[in-house]
Each structure stands twice: as structure tokens, then as C-alpha cells.
N, C-alpha and C. Protein backbone atom coordinates (compact mmCIF):
# COMPACT_ATOMS: atom_id res chain seq x y z
N MET A 1 15.30 -7.86 11.92
CA MET A 1 16.44 -7.42 11.13
C MET A 1 16.60 -5.92 11.29
N SER A 2 17.80 -5.44 11.61
CA SER A 2 17.98 -4.00 11.85
C SER A 2 19.39 -3.57 11.49
N PHE A 3 19.52 -2.85 10.37
CA PHE A 3 20.82 -2.35 9.97
C PHE A 3 20.77 -0.86 9.64
N ILE A 4 19.59 -0.24 9.80
CA ILE A 4 19.43 1.16 9.46
C ILE A 4 19.90 2.04 10.60
N VAL A 5 19.51 1.72 11.83
CA VAL A 5 19.87 2.49 13.01
C VAL A 5 21.13 1.90 13.63
N GLU A 6 22.02 2.76 14.11
CA GLU A 6 23.24 2.28 14.75
C GLU A 6 22.88 1.42 15.97
N PRO A 7 23.61 0.33 16.19
CA PRO A 7 23.27 -0.58 17.29
C PRO A 7 23.18 0.11 18.64
N GLY A 8 24.07 1.06 18.91
CA GLY A 8 24.03 1.77 20.19
C GLY A 8 22.77 2.58 20.36
N VAL A 9 22.30 3.18 19.28
CA VAL A 9 21.06 3.96 19.33
C VAL A 9 19.87 3.05 19.56
N GLU A 10 19.85 1.92 18.85
CA GLU A 10 18.76 0.97 19.04
C GLU A 10 18.75 0.41 20.45
N GLN A 11 19.92 0.13 20.98
CA GLN A 11 20.00 -0.37 22.36
C GLN A 11 19.45 0.67 23.34
N TYR A 12 19.78 1.94 23.13
CA TYR A 12 19.26 3.01 23.98
C TYR A 12 17.75 3.06 23.90
N ALA A 13 17.21 2.94 22.67
CA ALA A 13 15.76 2.96 22.49
C ALA A 13 15.10 1.80 23.23
N GLU A 14 15.71 0.62 23.16
CA GLU A 14 15.17 -0.54 23.86
C GLU A 14 15.19 -0.32 25.37
N GLN A 15 16.28 0.27 25.86
CA GLN A 15 16.41 0.49 27.30
C GLN A 15 15.42 1.53 27.81
N HIS A 16 14.91 2.36 26.91
CA HIS A 16 13.97 3.41 27.31
C HIS A 16 12.57 3.15 26.77
N SER A 17 12.28 1.89 26.50
CA SER A 17 10.93 1.46 26.15
C SER A 17 10.45 0.49 27.23
N SER A 18 9.12 0.44 27.42
CA SER A 18 8.58 -0.48 28.42
C SER A 18 9.05 -1.89 28.13
N PRO A 19 9.60 -2.58 29.10
CA PRO A 19 10.13 -3.93 28.85
C PRO A 19 9.02 -4.93 28.56
N GLN A 20 9.36 -5.95 27.80
CA GLN A 20 8.46 -7.06 27.58
C GLN A 20 8.59 -8.05 28.73
N ALA A 21 7.64 -8.95 28.82
CA ALA A 21 7.71 -10.00 29.84
C ALA A 21 8.94 -10.86 29.63
N GLU A 22 9.40 -11.49 30.71
CA GLU A 22 10.60 -12.33 30.66
C GLU A 22 10.45 -13.45 29.64
N LEU A 23 9.24 -13.87 29.39
CA LEU A 23 8.96 -14.90 28.40
C LEU A 23 9.58 -14.56 27.04
N PHE A 24 9.55 -13.29 26.66
CA PHE A 24 10.08 -12.89 25.37
C PHE A 24 11.59 -13.07 25.30
N GLU A 25 12.27 -12.90 26.42
CA GLU A 25 13.72 -13.12 26.45
C GLU A 25 14.03 -14.58 26.18
N ARG A 26 13.26 -15.47 26.77
CA ARG A 26 13.47 -16.90 26.53
C ARG A 26 13.09 -17.27 25.11
N LEU A 27 12.03 -16.69 24.59
CA LEU A 27 11.65 -16.94 23.20
C LEU A 27 12.75 -16.49 22.24
N ALA A 28 13.32 -15.31 22.50
CA ALA A 28 14.41 -14.81 21.65
C ALA A 28 15.63 -15.72 21.73
N ALA A 29 15.95 -16.18 22.93
CA ALA A 29 17.11 -17.07 23.09
C ALA A 29 16.89 -18.38 22.37
N GLU A 30 15.70 -18.96 22.47
CA GLU A 30 15.43 -20.22 21.78
C GLU A 30 15.42 -20.03 20.27
N THR A 31 14.93 -18.88 19.82
CA THR A 31 14.94 -18.59 18.39
C THR A 31 16.36 -18.53 17.86
N ARG A 32 17.24 -17.86 18.61
CA ARG A 32 18.65 -17.77 18.19
C ARG A 32 19.31 -19.15 18.20
N GLU A 33 18.92 -19.99 19.14
CA GLU A 33 19.52 -21.32 19.27
C GLU A 33 19.05 -22.28 18.18
N LYS A 34 17.76 -22.23 17.83
CA LYS A 34 17.18 -23.26 16.98
C LYS A 34 16.91 -22.82 15.55
N SER A 35 16.95 -21.52 15.29
CA SER A 35 16.62 -21.04 13.95
C SER A 35 17.87 -20.69 13.17
N SER A 36 17.82 -20.94 11.87
CA SER A 36 18.94 -20.58 11.01
C SER A 36 18.88 -19.11 10.59
N ALA A 37 17.77 -18.45 10.87
CA ALA A 37 17.63 -17.03 10.51
C ALA A 37 16.97 -16.26 11.64
N PRO A 38 17.63 -16.17 12.82
CA PRO A 38 17.01 -15.51 13.97
C PRO A 38 16.73 -14.03 13.74
N GLN A 39 17.39 -13.42 12.74
CA GLN A 39 17.14 -12.01 12.45
C GLN A 39 15.73 -11.76 11.95
N MET A 40 15.01 -12.82 11.63
CA MET A 40 13.61 -12.68 11.19
C MET A 40 12.69 -12.29 12.35
N MET A 41 13.15 -12.48 13.57
CA MET A 41 12.34 -12.16 14.75
C MET A 41 12.22 -10.64 14.89
N VAL A 42 11.04 -10.15 15.25
CA VAL A 42 10.83 -8.70 15.26
C VAL A 42 11.55 -8.00 16.41
N GLY A 43 11.63 -8.58 17.58
CA GLY A 43 12.33 -7.96 18.69
C GLY A 43 11.46 -6.99 19.48
N LEU A 44 12.05 -6.42 20.54
CA LEU A 44 11.31 -5.62 21.51
C LEU A 44 10.65 -4.40 20.89
N LEU A 45 11.41 -3.59 20.17
CA LEU A 45 10.87 -2.33 19.66
C LEU A 45 9.70 -2.54 18.71
N GLU A 46 9.87 -3.44 17.76
CA GLU A 46 8.80 -3.67 16.80
C GLU A 46 7.64 -4.42 17.45
N GLY A 47 7.94 -5.34 18.37
CA GLY A 47 6.88 -6.02 19.07
C GLY A 47 6.02 -5.06 19.87
N ARG A 48 6.68 -4.15 20.58
CA ARG A 48 5.95 -3.14 21.35
C ARG A 48 5.14 -2.24 20.41
N PHE A 49 5.72 -1.88 19.28
CA PHE A 49 5.03 -1.01 18.33
C PHE A 49 3.78 -1.69 17.78
N LEU A 50 3.90 -2.95 17.42
CA LEU A 50 2.75 -3.69 16.89
C LEU A 50 1.65 -3.81 17.96
N GLY A 51 2.05 -4.07 19.18
CA GLY A 51 1.07 -4.14 20.26
C GLY A 51 0.37 -2.81 20.46
N ALA A 52 1.14 -1.72 20.36
CA ALA A 52 0.56 -0.39 20.51
C ALA A 52 -0.45 -0.11 19.40
N LEU A 53 -0.13 -0.54 18.17
CA LEU A 53 -1.05 -0.34 17.06
C LEU A 53 -2.37 -1.08 17.30
N VAL A 54 -2.27 -2.32 17.76
CA VAL A 54 -3.48 -3.10 18.05
C VAL A 54 -4.33 -2.37 19.09
N GLY A 55 -3.68 -1.87 20.13
CA GLY A 55 -4.41 -1.17 21.17
C GLY A 55 -5.04 0.13 20.69
N MET A 56 -4.28 0.92 19.94
CA MET A 56 -4.79 2.21 19.48
C MET A 56 -5.91 2.05 18.46
N LEU A 57 -5.82 0.99 17.64
CA LEU A 57 -6.87 0.72 16.66
C LEU A 57 -8.10 0.08 17.31
N ARG A 58 -7.95 -0.36 18.57
CA ARG A 58 -8.99 -1.16 19.22
C ARG A 58 -9.35 -2.36 18.34
N ALA A 59 -8.31 -2.97 17.82
CA ALA A 59 -8.48 -4.07 16.86
C ALA A 59 -9.12 -5.27 17.53
N GLY A 60 -10.04 -5.90 16.81
CA GLY A 60 -10.64 -7.14 17.27
C GLY A 60 -10.23 -8.32 16.43
N ARG A 61 -9.82 -8.05 15.17
CA ARG A 61 -9.37 -9.12 14.27
C ARG A 61 -8.06 -8.70 13.61
N VAL A 62 -7.07 -9.56 13.69
CA VAL A 62 -5.74 -9.29 13.13
C VAL A 62 -5.35 -10.46 12.24
N LEU A 63 -4.73 -10.14 11.12
CA LEU A 63 -4.19 -11.15 10.21
C LEU A 63 -2.69 -10.95 10.09
N GLU A 64 -1.93 -12.02 10.32
CA GLU A 64 -0.48 -11.96 10.20
C GLU A 64 -0.01 -12.98 9.17
N LEU A 65 0.84 -12.54 8.26
CA LEU A 65 1.48 -13.44 7.30
C LEU A 65 2.94 -13.56 7.70
N GLY A 66 3.32 -14.73 8.19
CA GLY A 66 4.69 -14.96 8.65
C GLY A 66 4.73 -15.09 10.17
N THR A 67 4.43 -16.28 10.68
CA THR A 67 4.39 -16.51 12.13
C THR A 67 5.78 -16.53 12.74
N PHE A 68 6.71 -17.24 12.08
CA PHE A 68 8.04 -17.54 12.59
C PHE A 68 7.90 -18.13 13.99
N THR A 69 8.63 -17.65 14.99
CA THR A 69 8.57 -18.26 16.32
C THR A 69 7.61 -17.52 17.26
N GLY A 70 6.87 -16.57 16.74
CA GLY A 70 5.74 -16.05 17.49
C GLY A 70 5.91 -14.75 18.25
N TYR A 71 7.06 -14.11 18.15
CA TYR A 71 7.27 -12.87 18.91
C TYR A 71 6.20 -11.83 18.54
N SER A 72 5.96 -11.65 17.25
CA SER A 72 5.02 -10.62 16.81
C SER A 72 3.58 -11.01 17.13
N SER A 73 3.20 -12.26 16.89
CA SER A 73 1.81 -12.67 17.14
C SER A 73 1.47 -12.59 18.62
N ILE A 74 2.39 -12.98 19.48
CA ILE A 74 2.14 -12.88 20.92
C ILE A 74 2.05 -11.42 21.35
N SER A 75 2.94 -10.58 20.82
CA SER A 75 2.91 -9.15 21.15
C SER A 75 1.57 -8.54 20.79
N MET A 76 1.04 -8.90 19.62
CA MET A 76 -0.24 -8.35 19.19
C MET A 76 -1.41 -8.98 19.95
N ALA A 77 -1.34 -10.29 20.19
CA ALA A 77 -2.43 -10.97 20.90
C ALA A 77 -2.59 -10.45 22.31
N LEU A 78 -1.49 -10.09 22.96
CA LEU A 78 -1.56 -9.55 24.31
C LEU A 78 -2.33 -8.23 24.36
N ALA A 79 -2.36 -7.51 23.23
CA ALA A 79 -3.05 -6.23 23.17
C ALA A 79 -4.50 -6.36 22.71
N LEU A 80 -4.90 -7.56 22.30
CA LEU A 80 -6.27 -7.79 21.86
C LEU A 80 -7.21 -7.87 23.07
N PRO A 81 -8.48 -7.52 22.87
CA PRO A 81 -9.46 -7.79 23.93
C PRO A 81 -9.63 -9.30 24.09
N PRO A 82 -10.20 -9.75 25.21
CA PRO A 82 -10.34 -11.20 25.45
C PRO A 82 -11.06 -11.94 24.33
N ASP A 83 -12.00 -11.27 23.64
CA ASP A 83 -12.70 -11.93 22.55
C ASP A 83 -12.08 -11.65 21.19
N GLY A 84 -10.92 -10.99 21.17
CA GLY A 84 -10.22 -10.70 19.92
C GLY A 84 -9.59 -11.96 19.34
N ARG A 85 -9.35 -11.94 18.05
CA ARG A 85 -8.76 -13.09 17.38
C ARG A 85 -7.67 -12.66 16.40
N LEU A 86 -6.61 -13.44 16.36
CA LEU A 86 -5.50 -13.22 15.43
C LEU A 86 -5.28 -14.49 14.63
N ILE A 87 -5.30 -14.38 13.32
CA ILE A 87 -4.98 -15.50 12.44
C ILE A 87 -3.57 -15.29 11.93
N THR A 88 -2.71 -16.28 12.12
CA THR A 88 -1.32 -16.15 11.68
C THR A 88 -0.96 -17.33 10.77
N CYS A 89 -0.25 -17.03 9.69
CA CYS A 89 0.01 -18.00 8.62
C CYS A 89 1.50 -18.24 8.45
N ASP A 90 1.88 -19.49 8.25
CA ASP A 90 3.27 -19.82 7.97
C ASP A 90 3.30 -21.21 7.32
N VAL A 91 4.46 -21.55 6.75
CA VAL A 91 4.63 -22.87 6.13
C VAL A 91 5.55 -23.76 6.95
N ASN A 92 6.15 -23.21 8.02
CA ASN A 92 7.12 -23.96 8.80
C ASN A 92 6.48 -24.51 10.07
N GLU A 93 6.30 -25.82 10.12
CA GLU A 93 5.62 -26.44 11.26
C GLU A 93 6.45 -26.34 12.53
N GLU A 94 7.77 -26.46 12.43
CA GLU A 94 8.62 -26.47 13.62
C GLU A 94 8.61 -25.11 14.31
N THR A 95 8.78 -24.02 13.55
CA THR A 95 8.78 -22.70 14.19
C THR A 95 7.38 -22.34 14.68
N THR A 96 6.36 -22.80 13.98
CA THR A 96 4.99 -22.54 14.43
C THR A 96 4.72 -23.22 15.76
N GLU A 97 5.27 -24.41 15.97
CA GLU A 97 5.08 -25.09 17.25
C GLU A 97 5.76 -24.33 18.38
N ILE A 98 6.92 -23.73 18.10
CA ILE A 98 7.56 -22.88 19.11
C ILE A 98 6.64 -21.71 19.44
N ALA A 99 6.08 -21.09 18.41
CA ALA A 99 5.18 -19.96 18.60
C ALA A 99 3.98 -20.36 19.46
N ARG A 100 3.40 -21.50 19.14
CA ARG A 100 2.22 -21.97 19.88
C ARG A 100 2.56 -22.23 21.36
N ARG A 101 3.72 -22.82 21.60
CA ARG A 101 4.11 -23.14 22.97
C ARG A 101 4.26 -21.88 23.82
N TYR A 102 4.91 -20.86 23.26
CA TYR A 102 5.08 -19.62 24.02
C TYR A 102 3.77 -18.84 24.14
N ALA A 103 2.91 -18.94 23.14
CA ALA A 103 1.60 -18.29 23.23
C ALA A 103 0.77 -18.89 24.35
N GLU A 104 0.88 -20.21 24.51
CA GLU A 104 0.16 -20.88 25.59
C GLU A 104 0.67 -20.41 26.94
N GLU A 105 2.00 -20.29 27.05
CA GLU A 105 2.59 -19.82 28.30
C GLU A 105 2.18 -18.38 28.59
N ALA A 106 2.07 -17.56 27.53
CA ALA A 106 1.68 -16.15 27.69
C ALA A 106 0.20 -15.98 27.97
N GLY A 107 -0.57 -17.06 27.84
CA GLY A 107 -1.99 -17.00 28.13
C GLY A 107 -2.84 -16.44 27.00
N VAL A 108 -2.30 -16.48 25.76
CA VAL A 108 -3.04 -15.91 24.63
C VAL A 108 -3.28 -16.91 23.51
N VAL A 109 -2.98 -18.18 23.73
CA VAL A 109 -3.11 -19.16 22.66
C VAL A 109 -4.56 -19.29 22.19
N ASP A 110 -5.52 -18.99 23.08
CA ASP A 110 -6.92 -19.07 22.70
C ASP A 110 -7.35 -17.92 21.80
N ARG A 111 -6.50 -16.90 21.68
CA ARG A 111 -6.80 -15.77 20.80
C ARG A 111 -6.15 -15.91 19.43
N ILE A 112 -5.30 -16.93 19.27
CA ILE A 112 -4.52 -17.07 18.04
C ILE A 112 -4.92 -18.35 17.31
N GLU A 113 -5.14 -18.20 16.02
CA GLU A 113 -5.43 -19.35 15.15
C GLU A 113 -4.24 -19.53 14.21
N TYR A 114 -3.58 -20.68 14.29
CA TYR A 114 -2.40 -20.95 13.48
C TYR A 114 -2.80 -21.68 12.21
N ARG A 115 -2.40 -21.14 11.08
CA ARG A 115 -2.69 -21.76 9.79
C ARG A 115 -1.38 -22.14 9.11
N LEU A 116 -1.22 -23.42 8.80
CA LEU A 116 -0.04 -23.91 8.09
C LEU A 116 -0.37 -24.09 6.61
N GLY A 117 0.51 -23.58 5.74
CA GLY A 117 0.29 -23.70 4.31
C GLY A 117 0.60 -22.38 3.61
N PRO A 118 0.64 -22.40 2.29
CA PRO A 118 0.91 -21.18 1.53
C PRO A 118 -0.10 -20.09 1.89
N ALA A 119 0.40 -18.90 2.19
CA ALA A 119 -0.46 -17.83 2.70
C ALA A 119 -1.54 -17.42 1.72
N LEU A 120 -1.23 -17.38 0.43
CA LEU A 120 -2.22 -16.95 -0.55
C LEU A 120 -3.41 -17.92 -0.58
N GLU A 121 -3.13 -19.20 -0.39
CA GLU A 121 -4.22 -20.18 -0.33
C GLU A 121 -5.04 -19.98 0.94
N THR A 122 -4.37 -19.71 2.04
CA THR A 122 -5.07 -19.48 3.30
C THR A 122 -5.96 -18.25 3.20
N ILE A 123 -5.41 -17.15 2.64
CA ILE A 123 -6.17 -15.90 2.52
C ILE A 123 -7.45 -16.11 1.72
N SER A 124 -7.34 -16.90 0.64
CA SER A 124 -8.50 -17.10 -0.23
C SER A 124 -9.64 -17.82 0.50
N GLY A 125 -9.31 -18.54 1.56
CA GLY A 125 -10.33 -19.28 2.29
C GLY A 125 -10.84 -18.57 3.54
N LEU A 126 -10.33 -17.36 3.80
CA LEU A 126 -10.76 -16.63 5.00
C LEU A 126 -12.04 -15.85 4.74
N GLU A 127 -12.79 -15.65 5.80
CA GLU A 127 -14.00 -14.85 5.73
C GLU A 127 -13.84 -13.59 6.56
N GLY A 128 -14.56 -12.54 6.18
CA GLY A 128 -14.59 -11.32 6.98
C GLY A 128 -13.41 -10.41 6.73
N GLU A 129 -13.41 -9.31 7.50
CA GLU A 129 -12.39 -8.28 7.36
C GLU A 129 -11.53 -8.23 8.62
N PHE A 130 -10.42 -7.48 8.50
CA PHE A 130 -9.45 -7.40 9.59
C PHE A 130 -9.14 -5.94 9.89
N ASP A 131 -8.92 -5.66 11.18
CA ASP A 131 -8.58 -4.31 11.61
C ASP A 131 -7.10 -4.00 11.39
N LEU A 132 -6.28 -5.04 11.44
CA LEU A 132 -4.83 -4.89 11.24
C LEU A 132 -4.33 -6.07 10.45
N VAL A 133 -3.53 -5.80 9.44
CA VAL A 133 -2.87 -6.84 8.65
C VAL A 133 -1.37 -6.60 8.75
N PHE A 134 -0.63 -7.62 9.20
CA PHE A 134 0.83 -7.51 9.33
C PHE A 134 1.46 -8.51 8.38
N ILE A 135 2.24 -8.01 7.42
CA ILE A 135 2.86 -8.85 6.40
C ILE A 135 4.36 -8.93 6.64
N ASP A 136 4.83 -10.13 6.95
CA ASP A 136 6.24 -10.36 7.25
C ASP A 136 6.62 -11.76 6.79
N ALA A 137 6.31 -12.07 5.53
CA ALA A 137 6.56 -13.40 4.99
C ALA A 137 7.56 -13.30 3.84
N ASP A 138 7.55 -14.28 2.93
CA ASP A 138 8.54 -14.30 1.84
C ASP A 138 8.38 -13.06 0.95
N LYS A 139 9.49 -12.40 0.71
CA LYS A 139 9.46 -11.09 0.05
C LYS A 139 9.01 -11.13 -1.41
N PRO A 140 9.37 -12.16 -2.21
CA PRO A 140 8.93 -12.16 -3.61
C PRO A 140 7.42 -12.13 -3.79
N ASN A 141 6.67 -12.51 -2.76
CA ASN A 141 5.21 -12.50 -2.85
C ASN A 141 4.57 -11.25 -2.24
N TYR A 142 5.36 -10.27 -1.86
CA TYR A 142 4.81 -9.12 -1.14
C TYR A 142 3.72 -8.41 -1.94
N VAL A 143 3.92 -8.19 -3.22
CA VAL A 143 2.88 -7.51 -4.01
C VAL A 143 1.61 -8.37 -4.03
N ASN A 144 1.78 -9.68 -4.18
CA ASN A 144 0.62 -10.58 -4.16
C ASN A 144 -0.10 -10.54 -2.81
N TYR A 145 0.67 -10.53 -1.71
CA TYR A 145 0.06 -10.46 -0.39
C TYR A 145 -0.67 -9.13 -0.21
N TYR A 146 -0.07 -8.06 -0.69
CA TYR A 146 -0.70 -6.74 -0.59
C TYR A 146 -2.05 -6.73 -1.31
N GLU A 147 -2.05 -7.22 -2.54
CA GLU A 147 -3.29 -7.21 -3.33
C GLU A 147 -4.34 -8.15 -2.74
N ALA A 148 -3.91 -9.26 -2.16
CA ALA A 148 -4.85 -10.23 -1.61
C ALA A 148 -5.47 -9.78 -0.29
N THR A 149 -4.71 -9.03 0.50
CA THR A 149 -5.21 -8.65 1.83
C THR A 149 -5.84 -7.27 1.87
N LEU A 150 -5.50 -6.38 0.96
CA LEU A 150 -6.08 -5.04 1.00
C LEU A 150 -7.61 -5.07 1.00
N PRO A 151 -8.26 -5.89 0.15
CA PRO A 151 -9.73 -5.93 0.19
C PRO A 151 -10.29 -6.44 1.51
N ARG A 152 -9.45 -7.09 2.33
CA ARG A 152 -9.90 -7.62 3.62
C ARG A 152 -9.68 -6.62 4.76
N LEU A 153 -9.10 -5.45 4.46
CA LEU A 153 -8.80 -4.45 5.48
C LEU A 153 -10.01 -3.55 5.69
N VAL A 154 -10.45 -3.42 6.93
CA VAL A 154 -11.60 -2.57 7.21
C VAL A 154 -11.25 -1.10 6.97
N ARG A 155 -12.25 -0.31 6.67
CA ARG A 155 -12.05 1.14 6.62
C ARG A 155 -11.68 1.61 8.02
N GLY A 156 -10.61 2.37 8.11
CA GLY A 156 -10.10 2.76 9.42
C GLY A 156 -9.08 1.79 9.97
N GLY A 157 -8.82 0.71 9.23
CA GLY A 157 -7.82 -0.27 9.64
C GLY A 157 -6.44 0.09 9.11
N LEU A 158 -5.48 -0.78 9.38
CA LEU A 158 -4.09 -0.50 9.02
C LEU A 158 -3.41 -1.78 8.55
N MET A 159 -2.64 -1.65 7.46
CA MET A 159 -1.76 -2.71 7.00
C MET A 159 -0.32 -2.30 7.29
N VAL A 160 0.47 -3.25 7.76
CA VAL A 160 1.89 -3.01 8.03
C VAL A 160 2.70 -4.02 7.25
N LEU A 161 3.54 -3.54 6.34
CA LEU A 161 4.46 -4.42 5.60
C LEU A 161 5.85 -4.25 6.20
N ASP A 162 6.44 -5.35 6.64
CA ASP A 162 7.72 -5.31 7.34
C ASP A 162 8.89 -5.45 6.37
N ASN A 163 10.07 -5.03 6.83
CA ASN A 163 11.34 -5.18 6.08
C ASN A 163 11.34 -4.39 4.77
N THR A 164 10.64 -3.26 4.73
CA THR A 164 10.49 -2.54 3.47
C THR A 164 11.63 -1.57 3.19
N LEU A 165 12.69 -1.62 3.99
CA LEU A 165 13.94 -0.93 3.62
C LEU A 165 15.05 -1.94 3.31
N TRP A 166 14.83 -3.16 3.73
CA TRP A 166 15.73 -4.28 3.41
C TRP A 166 17.20 -3.90 3.62
N SER A 167 17.49 -3.57 4.87
CA SER A 167 18.85 -3.20 5.29
C SER A 167 19.38 -1.98 4.53
N GLY A 168 18.48 -1.16 4.03
CA GLY A 168 18.87 0.03 3.28
C GLY A 168 19.18 -0.24 1.82
N ARG A 169 19.11 -1.50 1.40
CA ARG A 169 19.53 -1.86 0.05
C ARG A 169 18.56 -1.34 -1.02
N VAL A 170 17.29 -1.12 -0.62
CA VAL A 170 16.33 -0.61 -1.61
C VAL A 170 16.73 0.76 -2.13
N ALA A 171 17.50 1.51 -1.33
CA ALA A 171 17.94 2.85 -1.73
C ALA A 171 19.31 2.84 -2.40
N ASP A 172 19.88 1.66 -2.56
CA ASP A 172 21.20 1.52 -3.19
C ASP A 172 21.01 1.12 -4.65
N PRO A 173 21.31 2.00 -5.60
CA PRO A 173 21.09 1.67 -7.01
C PRO A 173 21.86 0.45 -7.49
N SER A 174 22.97 0.12 -6.81
CA SER A 174 23.77 -1.03 -7.24
C SER A 174 23.21 -2.36 -6.72
N ALA A 175 22.28 -2.30 -5.77
CA ALA A 175 21.70 -3.53 -5.21
C ALA A 175 20.63 -4.06 -6.15
N ASP A 176 20.75 -5.34 -6.49
CA ASP A 176 19.81 -5.91 -7.45
C ASP A 176 19.74 -7.43 -7.27
N ASP A 177 18.84 -7.86 -6.39
CA ASP A 177 18.57 -9.29 -6.27
C ASP A 177 17.06 -9.46 -6.12
N GLU A 178 16.60 -10.69 -6.03
CA GLU A 178 15.16 -10.96 -6.04
C GLU A 178 14.43 -10.25 -4.91
N ASN A 179 15.00 -10.29 -3.71
CA ASN A 179 14.33 -9.67 -2.57
C ASN A 179 14.31 -8.15 -2.69
N VAL A 180 15.41 -7.57 -3.11
CA VAL A 180 15.47 -6.11 -3.29
C VAL A 180 14.43 -5.68 -4.33
N ARG A 181 14.38 -6.39 -5.44
CA ARG A 181 13.41 -6.04 -6.49
C ARG A 181 11.98 -6.18 -5.98
N ALA A 182 11.73 -7.21 -5.17
CA ALA A 182 10.38 -7.44 -4.65
C ALA A 182 9.96 -6.33 -3.69
N ILE A 183 10.87 -5.91 -2.82
CA ILE A 183 10.55 -4.85 -1.87
C ILE A 183 10.35 -3.53 -2.59
N ARG A 184 11.21 -3.24 -3.54
CA ARG A 184 11.02 -2.01 -4.33
C ARG A 184 9.67 -2.03 -5.03
N ALA A 185 9.31 -3.19 -5.57
CA ALA A 185 8.05 -3.31 -6.32
C ALA A 185 6.86 -3.03 -5.42
N VAL A 186 6.85 -3.57 -4.21
CA VAL A 186 5.68 -3.34 -3.35
C VAL A 186 5.65 -1.90 -2.85
N ASN A 187 6.81 -1.32 -2.55
CA ASN A 187 6.83 0.09 -2.14
C ASN A 187 6.30 1.00 -3.25
N GLU A 188 6.68 0.71 -4.48
CA GLU A 188 6.19 1.49 -5.62
C GLU A 188 4.70 1.25 -5.83
N ARG A 189 4.26 0.01 -5.68
CA ARG A 189 2.84 -0.31 -5.87
C ARG A 189 1.99 0.45 -4.87
N VAL A 190 2.42 0.45 -3.61
CA VAL A 190 1.67 1.18 -2.58
C VAL A 190 1.63 2.66 -2.88
N LEU A 191 2.77 3.22 -3.25
CA LEU A 191 2.85 4.66 -3.52
C LEU A 191 1.94 5.07 -4.66
N GLU A 192 1.84 4.22 -5.67
CA GLU A 192 1.05 4.55 -6.86
C GLU A 192 -0.42 4.17 -6.74
N ASP A 193 -0.80 3.48 -5.67
CA ASP A 193 -2.16 2.98 -5.51
C ASP A 193 -3.06 4.11 -5.00
N SER A 194 -3.95 4.60 -5.82
CA SER A 194 -4.81 5.72 -5.46
C SER A 194 -5.84 5.35 -4.39
N ARG A 195 -5.98 4.07 -4.10
CA ARG A 195 -6.94 3.65 -3.09
C ARG A 195 -6.45 3.91 -1.67
N VAL A 196 -5.15 4.08 -1.50
CA VAL A 196 -4.57 4.11 -0.16
C VAL A 196 -3.66 5.32 0.05
N GLN A 197 -3.34 5.55 1.31
CA GLN A 197 -2.25 6.44 1.71
C GLN A 197 -1.27 5.62 2.54
N ASN A 198 -0.06 6.12 2.67
CA ASN A 198 0.94 5.33 3.41
C ASN A 198 2.04 6.21 3.97
N VAL A 199 2.80 5.65 4.88
CA VAL A 199 4.05 6.25 5.35
C VAL A 199 5.05 5.12 5.53
N LEU A 200 6.22 5.28 4.95
CA LEU A 200 7.29 4.28 5.05
C LEU A 200 8.21 4.71 6.20
N LEU A 201 8.11 4.00 7.32
CA LEU A 201 8.86 4.35 8.51
C LEU A 201 10.24 3.70 8.53
N THR A 202 11.20 4.40 9.13
CA THR A 202 12.54 3.85 9.29
C THR A 202 12.68 3.18 10.65
N VAL A 203 11.66 2.44 11.04
CA VAL A 203 11.69 1.65 12.27
C VAL A 203 12.34 0.31 11.96
N ARG A 204 13.39 -0.03 12.68
CA ARG A 204 14.15 -1.25 12.45
C ARG A 204 14.49 -1.40 10.97
N ASP A 205 13.95 -2.41 10.29
CA ASP A 205 14.32 -2.64 8.90
C ASP A 205 13.31 -2.04 7.92
N GLY A 206 12.50 -1.11 8.41
CA GLY A 206 11.51 -0.45 7.57
C GLY A 206 10.14 -1.05 7.73
N MET A 207 9.15 -0.21 8.00
CA MET A 207 7.76 -0.66 8.11
C MET A 207 6.91 0.29 7.27
N ASN A 208 6.23 -0.26 6.29
CA ASN A 208 5.37 0.54 5.42
C ASN A 208 3.94 0.44 5.95
N LEU A 209 3.42 1.55 6.48
CA LEU A 209 2.07 1.59 7.04
C LEU A 209 1.11 2.08 5.97
N VAL A 210 0.03 1.33 5.74
CA VAL A 210 -0.90 1.59 4.64
C VAL A 210 -2.33 1.63 5.17
N TRP A 211 -3.10 2.60 4.73
CA TRP A 211 -4.51 2.68 5.12
C TRP A 211 -5.33 3.22 3.95
N TRP A 212 -6.65 3.00 4.02
CA TRP A 212 -7.52 3.45 2.94
C TRP A 212 -7.50 4.97 2.83
N ALA A 213 -7.49 5.47 1.61
CA ALA A 213 -7.52 6.93 1.38
C ALA A 213 -8.89 7.50 1.71
């Protein structure tokens, strides 16, 4: 989802970023064809950014909330070492199967563990810590996801919460719906949390980067 940057500027940025494999173009096309909400897909710029974060962190374990059709999980898995692992959670079996199919084609399906079911239940059953946590699931639960995953984040690790500008509506005093309130709530929670530091980036639809203080 991207409404903050003018389309022409975003297109220029995409044209001047390292291209993704052709597989991602087909994944994007199938997502647009089969999904009722293709704007949920992260796209080239955010996919490249997430992959860069995995590489720079030298991440070995990644947790993703919100698999969708797999653009983000594949982007991150490609940057993992061969023994790295990514756990990705979603409730939609059909979109998860699309994600799995493209991950297999990309040669990274052995690095990804797909979990179907409510994310909070999945998180409660996980063991160990994660170098990177990427949250891109249902917005009303964002504060709950933040609180549930922060204790699982290693020192020196990074949490990324996606869509934290919500098309700019979070900054519009007249905007007031469940998703806007939820995003505002998590942004305020992060800002007020003395355990962490953060930066809210204006990348695509907003990415709130959080790390231990």
C-alpha cells in the first residue's frame, strides 16, 4: 500500500533500485488477479528493504506476522544464510499456498515454516528469540502483536511494523476508524515504551522500526 509518495517518484525509485527476480513479477501479477486486496503486497522497494535488513543484521531467525502471498517472506528468506529460518503466520490457507508455491520455485521453501492460525496463538507456542520481527497482519491487533513479540526480539535485533502511516490518515485529525485508531495506538505505545527506541519511516505506507534501548 503506498499513498504517501507520489506515484512518479515511487516509480523512479523502483527503476533505480536493484531489480527483483522475474519470479516476483509473476507473483505480483497472480496476487492482483486472485486477491481481493492486492495492495497488501509489499512490492519491490519494501521487499528489497526487508531483504537488506536481514542481510545487515546477519539474521538467522525471522518471524513474520502476515504471510499473504509471500512477497515479503521470500524477499527475506533469500537474504538468510542456508541454515537460516523464517516462521511466517497467517490465517488464509489459499494465499499461503500461493506463497509456498513461489517460495519453492525461488529455492527457499526449506528456510520458511508456514503456520496457519491466529498469530497470537502461534506466538505463544514458539520457542527461542528472533533477530528480525516483521508485523504486517490485522491492524486492530498491532498493540497485542507488539507486546507478544517484543520479548522474543534478541538484543541487537529489529522489529518492523508495517503500514504505520495508513495512507497518511494517522496524521489527519478527522480520520477515525478502527484501523486508524489501532495504528495510532501502536505508534504511541512504541513512542512511550522506555524499553525501546524507534524511527517511523515514510517508506511506502510507513514502517516503524523498533529496537531495544
